[in-house]
Protein backbone atom coordinates (compact mmCIF):
# COMPACT_ATOMS: atom_id res chain seq x y z
CA UNK A 1 -0.17 0.06 -0.35
CA UNK A 2 3.15 2.82 0.70
CA UNK A 3 4.56 1.25 -2.77
CA UNK A 4 0.99 2.63 -4.46
CA UNK A 5 0.96 6.09 -2.63
CA UNK A 6 4.69 6.49 -3.43
CA UNK A 7 3.67 6.21 -7.18
CA UNK A 8 0.91 8.20 -7.32
CA UNK A 9 2.82 10.94 -5.57
CA UNK A 10 5.73 11.08 -7.97
CA UNK A 11 2.77 10.57 -10.52
CA UNK A 12 0.60 14.01 -9.59
CA UNK A 13 3.98 15.65 -9.06
CA UNK A 14 4.98 14.52 -13.17
CA UNK A 15 1.33 15.32 -14.00
CA UNK A 16 1.39 18.76 -12.50
CA UNK A 17 4.76 19.90 -13.99
CA UNK A 18 2.74 18.30 -17.76
CA UNK A 19 -0.50 21.16 -16.85
CA UNK A 20 2.33 24.30 -15.62
CA UNK A 21 4.31 23.53 -19.54
CA UNK A 22 0.55 23.11 -21.72
CA UNK A 23 -0.80 26.32 -19.13
CA UNK A 24 2.26 28.72 -20.28
CA UNK A 25 1.35 27.68 -23.79
CA UNK A 26 -2.59 28.03 -23.84
CA UNK A 27 -2.00 31.63 -21.83
CA UNK A 28 0.42 32.64 -24.38
CA UNK A 29 -1.63 32.11 -27.22
CA UNK A 30 -5.60 32.30 -25.80
CA UNK A 31 -4.03 34.74 -22.62
CA UNK A 32 -3.74 34.25 -19.62
CA UNK A 33 -7.44 34.88 -18.29
CA UNK A 34 -9.53 32.69 -20.78
CA UNK A 35 -6.24 29.98 -20.33
CA UNK A 36 -7.45 30.13 -16.01
CA UNK A 37 -11.12 30.35 -16.87
CA UNK A 38 -10.37 26.78 -19.25
CA UNK A 39 -8.53 25.71 -16.89
CA UNK A 40 -10.62 26.11 -13.54
CA UNK A 41 -13.57 24.52 -15.61
CA UNK A 42 -12.02 21.87 -17.28
CA UNK A 43 -11.56 21.01 -13.71
CA UNK A 44 -15.00 20.69 -12.78
CA UNK A 45 -16.06 19.32 -15.05
CA UNK A 46 -13.95 16.22 -14.61
CA UNK A 47 -14.65 17.03 -10.55
CA UNK A 48 -18.68 16.66 -11.29
CA UNK A 49 -18.94 13.48 -14.13
CA UNK A 50 -16.41 11.81 -11.14
CA UNK A 51 -18.56 12.25 -8.20
CA UNK A 52 -21.79 11.64 -11.03
CA UNK A 53 -20.60 8.34 -11.83
CA UNK A 54 -19.00 7.23 -8.52
CA UNK A 55 -20.37 8.71 -5.13
CA UNK A 56 -22.47 6.04 -4.06
CA UNK A 57 -25.84 6.71 -3.65
CA UNK A 58 -27.64 8.57 -0.56
CA UNK A 59 -30.65 7.89 1.34
CA UNK A 60 -30.80 11.45 2.40
CA UNK A 61 -31.35 14.16 -0.62
CA UNK A 62 -30.14 17.88 -0.04
CA UNK A 63 -34.00 18.59 1.02
CA UNK A 64 -33.48 16.34 4.16
CA UNK A 65 -30.93 18.11 5.53
CA UNK A 66 -31.26 20.92 8.17
CA UNK A 67 -31.99 24.72 6.82
CA UNK A 68 -28.98 25.59 8.33
CA UNK A 69 -26.71 23.19 6.04
CA UNK A 70 -28.04 24.36 3.11
CA UNK A 71 -26.99 28.42 4.12
CA UNK A 72 -23.46 27.15 4.58
CA UNK A 73 -23.18 27.68 7.99
């Protein structure tokens, strides 16, 4: 298990450097703000899809929680 975590950490570091290189080239072509928006939008879409497909079904819906939790308190 420890070997797997070390491999994931190394892979994450390698992918982070690849993302920096891609964002640098993309930022030079389309602009810094568009590049940042695209990066965060793509990350949000991928995260939403991962949650949608891999989250186990919940017994409670959003409306079953107390009202103070819906307000972000």
